[in-house]
N, C-alpha and C. Protein backbone atom coordinates (compact mmCIF):
# COMPACT_ATOMS: atom_id res chain seq x y z
N HIS A 1 37.96 -96.97 -54.93
CA HIS A 1 37.98 -96.08 -53.45
C HIS A 1 36.56 -95.83 -52.83
N LEU A 2 36.90 -96.50 -51.34
CA LEU A 2 35.24 -96.33 -50.87
C LEU A 2 34.68 -94.95 -50.80
N LEU A 3 35.37 -93.73 -50.74
CA LEU A 3 34.87 -92.38 -50.48
C LEU A 3 34.32 -92.32 -52.14
N ASN A 4 34.94 -92.56 -53.09
CA ASN A 4 34.79 -92.40 -54.22
C ASN A 4 34.14 -93.40 -55.18
N PRO A 5 33.17 -94.81 -55.21
CA PRO A 5 32.97 -95.77 -55.58
C PRO A 5 33.50 -95.29 -57.30
N PRO A 6 33.94 -96.79 -57.80
CA PRO A 6 33.81 -96.72 -59.26
C PRO A 6 32.69 -96.28 -59.95
N GLU A 7 32.56 -96.06 -61.31
CA GLU A 7 31.34 -95.95 -62.03
C GLU A 7 31.87 -96.75 -63.27
N ILE A 8 31.42 -97.46 -63.81
CA ILE A 8 31.90 -97.89 -65.14
C ILE A 8 31.13 -97.58 -66.13
N MET A 9 31.49 -96.99 -67.27
CA MET A 9 30.54 -97.03 -68.05
C MET A 9 31.20 -97.68 -69.48
N THR A 10 30.31 -98.28 -70.21
CA THR A 10 30.53 -99.33 -71.29
C THR A 10 29.82 -98.25 -72.24
N GLU A 11 29.86 -98.80 -73.60
CA GLU A 11 29.21 -98.65 -74.83
C GLU A 11 27.57 -98.57 -74.71
N THR A 12 26.95 -99.26 -73.72
CA THR A 12 25.60 -99.01 -73.90
C THR A 12 24.83 -98.92 -72.48
N ALA A 13 25.92 -99.14 -71.79
CA ALA A 13 25.13 -98.98 -69.83
C ALA A 13 26.12 -98.41 -68.78
N TRP A 14 25.78 -98.07 -67.87
CA TRP A 14 26.43 -97.15 -66.88
C TRP A 14 26.41 -98.62 -65.71
N LEU A 15 27.87 -99.09 -64.90
CA LEU A 15 27.20 -99.67 -64.19
C LEU A 15 28.04 -99.22 -62.59
N ARG A 16 27.34 -99.03 -61.72
CA ARG A 16 27.78 -98.17 -60.31
C ARG A 16 27.20 -99.59 -59.22
N PRO A 17 28.22 -99.32 -58.35
CA PRO A 17 27.76 -100.08 -57.28
C PRO A 17 26.68 -100.18 -56.38
N ALA A 18 25.68 -101.66 -56.26
CA ALA A 18 24.43 -101.72 -55.96
C ALA A 18 24.39 -101.09 -54.11
N LEU A 19 23.35 -100.37 -54.19
CA LEU A 19 22.96 -100.27 -52.86
C LEU A 19 21.52 -100.95 -52.33
N GLN A 20 21.43 -100.56 -50.35
CA GLN A 20 20.28 -100.75 -50.37
C GLN A 20 18.96 -99.83 -51.04
N LYS A 21 19.34 -99.02 -51.45
CA LYS A 21 18.15 -98.13 -52.17
C LYS A 21 17.85 -98.62 -53.10
N ASP A 22 18.69 -99.45 -54.04
CA ASP A 22 18.53 -100.53 -55.30
C ASP A 22 17.48 -101.50 -55.07
N ALA A 23 17.28 -102.03 -53.81
CA ALA A 23 16.69 -102.94 -53.62
C ALA A 23 15.21 -103.23 -54.80
N SER A 24 14.59 -102.56 -54.75
CA SER A 24 13.15 -102.39 -55.41
C SER A 24 13.25 -102.73 -56.85
N ALA A 25 14.83 -101.97 -57.57
CA ALA A 25 15.00 -102.43 -58.64
C ALA A 25 15.46 -103.39 -59.25
N LEU A 26 16.38 -103.91 -58.20
CA LEU A 26 16.87 -105.45 -58.24
C LEU A 26 15.95 -106.68 -57.87
N MET A 27 15.03 -106.44 -57.32
CA MET A 27 13.77 -107.26 -56.76
C MET A 27 13.45 -108.06 -57.95
N SER A 28 13.38 -106.99 -59.25
CA SER A 28 12.61 -107.67 -60.63
C SER A 28 13.30 -108.72 -61.52
N LEU A 29 15.04 -108.63 -60.85
CA LEU A 29 16.16 -109.33 -61.35
C LEU A 29 16.16 -110.53 -60.92
N LEU A 30 15.97 -111.08 -59.79
CA LEU A 30 16.20 -111.82 -59.11
C LEU A 30 14.91 -113.52 -59.62
N PRO A 31 15.69 -114.26 -58.98
CA PRO A 31 14.91 -115.65 -59.73
C PRO A 31 13.62 -115.21 -58.65
N VAL A 32 12.41 -116.52 -58.81
CA VAL A 32 11.67 -116.67 -57.86
C VAL A 32 12.07 -117.10 -56.91
N SER A 33 12.85 -118.29 -56.76
CA SER A 33 13.93 -119.04 -55.82
C SER A 33 15.18 -119.15 -55.54
N PRO A 34 15.71 -119.39 -55.05
CA PRO A 34 17.50 -118.89 -54.77
C PRO A 34 18.14 -119.89 -56.24
N GLU A 35 19.24 -119.63 -56.71
CA GLU A 35 19.40 -120.08 -57.95
C GLU A 35 20.96 -119.68 -58.00
N ASN A 36 21.45 -120.82 -57.93
CA ASN A 36 23.16 -120.52 -58.09
C ASN A 36 23.68 -119.55 -56.93
N ILE A 37 24.50 -118.30 -57.49
CA ILE A 37 24.38 -117.64 -56.47
C ILE A 37 23.61 -116.86 -55.90
N TRP A 38 22.49 -116.48 -57.16
CA TRP A 38 21.45 -115.52 -56.75
C TRP A 38 20.57 -115.83 -55.91
N PRO A 39 20.25 -115.17 -54.45
CA PRO A 39 19.24 -115.36 -53.47
C PRO A 39 17.76 -115.01 -54.01
N GLY A 40 16.80 -116.01 -53.43
CA GLY A 40 15.58 -115.37 -53.52
C GLY A 40 15.13 -114.14 -53.09
N PRO A 41 13.94 -113.45 -53.32
CA PRO A 41 13.95 -112.34 -53.33
C PRO A 41 13.80 -111.86 -51.67
N GLU A 42 13.46 -112.94 -50.89
CA GLU A 42 13.31 -113.08 -49.35
C GLU A 42 14.53 -112.45 -48.48
N ALA A 43 15.74 -112.60 -49.31
CA ALA A 43 17.27 -112.87 -49.02
C ALA A 43 18.08 -111.57 -49.46
N LEU A 44 17.25 -110.62 -50.38
CA LEU A 44 17.92 -109.57 -51.08
C LEU A 44 18.83 -108.60 -50.33
N ALA A 45 17.68 -108.29 -48.97
CA ALA A 45 18.62 -107.10 -48.29
C ALA A 45 20.35 -107.63 -47.68
N SER A 46 20.22 -108.71 -47.00
CA SER A 46 21.32 -109.38 -46.39
C SER A 46 22.12 -109.84 -48.01
N PHE A 47 21.72 -110.09 -48.95
CA PHE A 47 22.55 -110.20 -50.21
C PHE A 47 23.36 -108.95 -50.43
N LEU A 48 22.29 -107.72 -50.34
CA LEU A 48 22.99 -106.61 -51.22
C LEU A 48 24.18 -106.38 -49.58
N GLU A 49 23.95 -106.37 -48.96
CA GLU A 49 24.82 -106.20 -47.74
C GLU A 49 26.26 -106.96 -47.78
N ARG A 50 25.93 -108.07 -47.81
CA ARG A 50 27.14 -108.77 -48.25
C ARG A 50 28.15 -108.80 -49.14
N HIS A 51 27.65 -108.12 -50.34
CA HIS A 51 28.42 -108.05 -51.49
C HIS A 51 28.74 -106.56 -51.80
N ARG A 52 28.25 -105.95 -50.82
CA ARG A 52 28.39 -104.48 -51.11
C ARG A 52 29.84 -104.09 -51.52
N TYR A 53 29.91 -103.26 -52.70
CA TYR A 53 31.36 -102.80 -52.94
C TYR A 53 32.21 -102.12 -51.60
N ARG A 54 33.37 -102.78 -51.39
CA ARG A 54 34.33 -102.47 -50.39
C ARG A 54 35.58 -102.10 -51.19
N GLY A 55 35.68 -101.90 -52.10
CA GLY A 55 36.97 -101.73 -52.56
C GLY A 55 37.39 -102.57 -53.42
N GLY A 56 38.60 -102.68 -54.16
CA GLY A 56 39.13 -103.56 -55.09
C GLY A 56 38.07 -103.90 -56.07
N ALA A 57 38.03 -105.15 -56.88
CA ALA A 57 37.57 -105.75 -57.88
C ALA A 57 36.51 -106.84 -57.65
N THR A 58 35.91 -106.44 -56.56
CA THR A 58 34.50 -107.47 -55.86
C THR A 58 33.53 -106.35 -55.63
N GLY A 59 32.26 -106.98 -55.62
CA GLY A 59 30.81 -106.44 -55.44
C GLY A 59 29.57 -106.50 -56.51
N LEU A 60 28.73 -105.97 -55.63
CA LEU A 60 27.43 -105.85 -56.41
C LEU A 60 26.95 -104.68 -57.38
N PHE A 61 27.14 -104.91 -58.82
CA PHE A 61 26.94 -103.76 -59.73
C PHE A 61 25.56 -103.30 -59.89
N ALA A 62 24.91 -102.14 -59.95
CA ALA A 62 23.55 -102.64 -60.97
C ALA A 62 24.10 -101.67 -62.23
N VAL A 63 23.52 -102.37 -63.22
CA VAL A 63 23.47 -102.03 -64.55
C VAL A 63 22.64 -100.87 -65.16
N VAL A 64 22.68 -99.66 -65.62
CA VAL A 64 21.82 -98.85 -65.69
C VAL A 64 21.78 -98.42 -67.36
N ASP A 65 20.54 -98.38 -67.86
CA ASP A 65 20.90 -97.96 -69.34
C ASP A 65 20.65 -96.44 -69.48
N GLU A 66 20.70 -95.81 -70.86
CA GLU A 66 20.62 -94.62 -71.26
C GLU A 66 19.44 -93.79 -70.62
N LEU A 67 18.12 -94.48 -70.44
CA LEU A 67 17.10 -94.04 -70.03
C LEU A 67 16.79 -94.00 -67.96
N ARG A 68 18.32 -94.66 -67.93
CA ARG A 68 18.42 -94.48 -66.20
C ARG A 68 17.50 -95.99 -65.72
N ARG A 69 17.17 -96.46 -66.23
CA ARG A 69 16.47 -97.82 -65.73
C ARG A 69 17.67 -98.40 -65.42
N THR A 70 17.62 -99.78 -64.34
CA THR A 70 18.29 -100.41 -64.10
C THR A 70 17.76 -101.76 -64.59
N VAL A 71 18.47 -102.14 -65.63
CA VAL A 71 18.09 -103.23 -66.24
C VAL A 71 19.35 -104.34 -66.27
N GLY A 72 19.99 -104.53 -65.04
CA GLY A 72 20.65 -105.60 -64.75
C GLY A 72 21.43 -105.41 -63.60
N MET A 73 22.20 -106.78 -63.61
CA MET A 73 23.08 -106.34 -62.27
C MET A 73 24.51 -107.31 -62.30
N ALA A 74 25.44 -106.99 -61.84
CA ALA A 74 26.70 -107.95 -62.15
C ALA A 74 27.13 -107.99 -60.64
N LEU A 75 27.62 -108.93 -60.45
CA LEU A 75 28.16 -109.62 -59.49
C LEU A 75 29.93 -110.14 -59.76
N ILE A 76 30.91 -109.29 -59.14
CA ILE A 76 32.22 -109.68 -59.56
C ILE A 76 32.93 -109.59 -58.21
N GLY A 77 33.92 -110.85 -58.43
CA GLY A 77 35.05 -111.01 -57.09
C GLY A 77 35.69 -112.32 -57.33
N HIS A 78 35.72 -113.52 -57.32
CA HIS A 78 36.21 -114.69 -57.74
C HIS A 78 35.50 -115.03 -58.86
N GLY A 79 36.45 -115.74 -60.03
CA GLY A 79 36.04 -115.97 -61.15
C GLY A 79 35.10 -115.00 -62.02
N ALA A 80 34.48 -115.88 -63.07
CA ALA A 80 33.92 -114.96 -63.91
C ALA A 80 32.81 -114.04 -63.59
N PRO A 81 32.66 -112.85 -63.68
CA PRO A 81 31.11 -112.22 -62.90
C PRO A 81 29.96 -112.87 -63.54
N GLN A 82 29.12 -112.73 -62.72
CA GLN A 82 28.11 -113.20 -62.72
C GLN A 82 26.91 -112.27 -63.17
N LEU A 83 26.26 -112.14 -63.99
CA LEU A 83 25.26 -111.63 -64.48
C LEU A 83 23.74 -112.08 -64.74
N ARG A 84 22.84 -110.88 -64.37
CA ARG A 84 21.50 -110.79 -64.91
C ARG A 84 20.76 -109.85 -65.18
N PHE A 85 20.10 -110.23 -66.16
CA PHE A 85 19.37 -108.62 -66.90
C PHE A 85 17.72 -108.78 -66.80
N LEU A 86 17.18 -107.72 -66.74
CA LEU A 86 15.79 -107.60 -66.93
C LEU A 86 14.86 -108.55 -68.08
N THR A 87 15.44 -108.25 -69.10
CA THR A 87 14.67 -109.03 -70.35
C THR A 87 15.74 -109.52 -70.83
N PRO A 88 15.54 -110.83 -72.07
CA PRO A 88 16.28 -111.19 -73.06
C PRO A 88 16.88 -110.29 -73.63
N ALA A 89 16.02 -109.00 -74.07
CA ALA A 89 16.64 -108.12 -74.76
C ALA A 89 17.61 -107.13 -74.38
N ASP A 90 17.15 -107.08 -73.16
CA ASP A 90 18.27 -106.02 -72.35
C ASP A 90 19.53 -107.11 -72.29
N GLU A 91 19.62 -108.21 -71.97
CA GLU A 91 21.23 -109.00 -72.18
C GLU A 91 21.46 -109.00 -73.24
N GLN A 92 20.98 -109.36 -74.44
CA GLN A 92 21.28 -108.96 -75.53
C GLN A 92 22.32 -107.75 -76.15
N ARG A 93 21.35 -106.72 -75.49
CA ARG A 93 21.79 -105.28 -75.91
C ARG A 93 23.46 -105.01 -74.80
N HIS A 94 23.14 -105.51 -73.83
CA HIS A 94 24.33 -105.07 -72.49
C HIS A 94 25.04 -106.01 -72.39
N ARG A 95 24.84 -107.44 -72.40
CA ARG A 95 25.86 -108.05 -72.05
C ARG A 95 27.03 -108.27 -72.62
N PRO A 96 27.44 -107.68 -73.92
CA PRO A 96 28.91 -108.16 -74.30
C PRO A 96 29.50 -106.57 -73.93
N SER A 97 29.13 -105.68 -74.03
CA SER A 97 29.62 -104.29 -73.38
C SER A 97 30.16 -104.32 -71.67
N VAL A 98 28.90 -105.10 -70.93
CA VAL A 98 28.91 -105.13 -69.78
C VAL A 98 30.36 -105.84 -69.61
N GLU A 99 30.57 -107.36 -70.18
CA GLU A 99 31.26 -107.92 -69.91
C GLU A 99 32.99 -107.45 -70.25
N ALA A 100 32.57 -106.51 -71.24
CA ALA A 100 34.35 -105.97 -71.77
C ALA A 100 34.17 -104.48 -70.32
N GLY A 101 33.48 -103.89 -70.07
CA GLY A 101 33.78 -103.00 -69.07
C GLY A 101 34.19 -103.54 -67.39
N LEU A 102 33.36 -104.97 -67.57
CA LEU A 102 34.07 -105.22 -65.98
C LEU A 102 35.37 -106.11 -66.30
N GLY A 103 35.53 -106.54 -67.23
CA GLY A 103 37.12 -106.89 -67.49
C GLY A 103 38.23 -105.96 -67.54
N ASP A 104 37.78 -104.61 -68.27
CA ASP A 104 39.04 -103.87 -67.81
C ASP A 104 38.87 -102.97 -66.38
N PHE A 105 37.77 -102.98 -65.85
CA PHE A 105 37.69 -102.70 -64.59
C PHE A 105 38.44 -103.50 -63.63
N ARG A 106 38.33 -104.75 -63.76
CA ARG A 106 38.99 -105.88 -63.08
C ARG A 106 40.51 -105.91 -63.33
N ALA A 107 40.99 -105.52 -64.50
CA ALA A 107 42.41 -105.93 -64.96
C ALA A 107 42.97 -104.64 -64.34
N GLN A 108 42.37 -103.26 -64.35
CA GLN A 108 42.73 -102.17 -63.60
C GLN A 108 42.74 -102.23 -62.15
N ALA A 109 41.81 -103.08 -61.41
CA ALA A 109 41.73 -102.94 -59.72
C ALA A 109 43.12 -104.01 -59.74
N PHE A 110 43.49 -104.85 -60.50
CA PHE A 110 44.26 -105.93 -60.17
C PHE A 110 45.76 -105.32 -60.03
N LYS A 111 45.62 -104.41 -61.53
CA LYS A 111 46.96 -103.31 -61.16
C LYS A 111 47.49 -102.65 -59.84
N GLU A 112 46.12 -102.09 -59.51
CA GLU A 112 46.29 -101.34 -58.37
C GLU A 112 46.80 -101.89 -57.23
N SER A 113 46.33 -103.01 -56.97
CA SER A 113 46.49 -103.64 -55.60
C SER A 113 47.78 -104.20 -55.71
């Protein structure tokens, strides 16, 4: 719901809708130049706005670890979720639980729609 955006708790991380205030943390997760669906750093603000959570099972989510560090981001919408992580170690640690949490979230959102 837009007034109470979802927070997705997983075994190793917490996902919440990404906001413009997350831009500095998300900047370090982007490729140097545009790659697949991910923009280059200069286009991050418009990417955040275009993929802002607006309800349902779509949007850009920040992946936050137990130390409250933004260690990844997840873009969900049509097709499989697209994930990026800060380091290979963060990806190895968090990807399985993030994918499982997003799968549960998407299934629930589709049931409600």
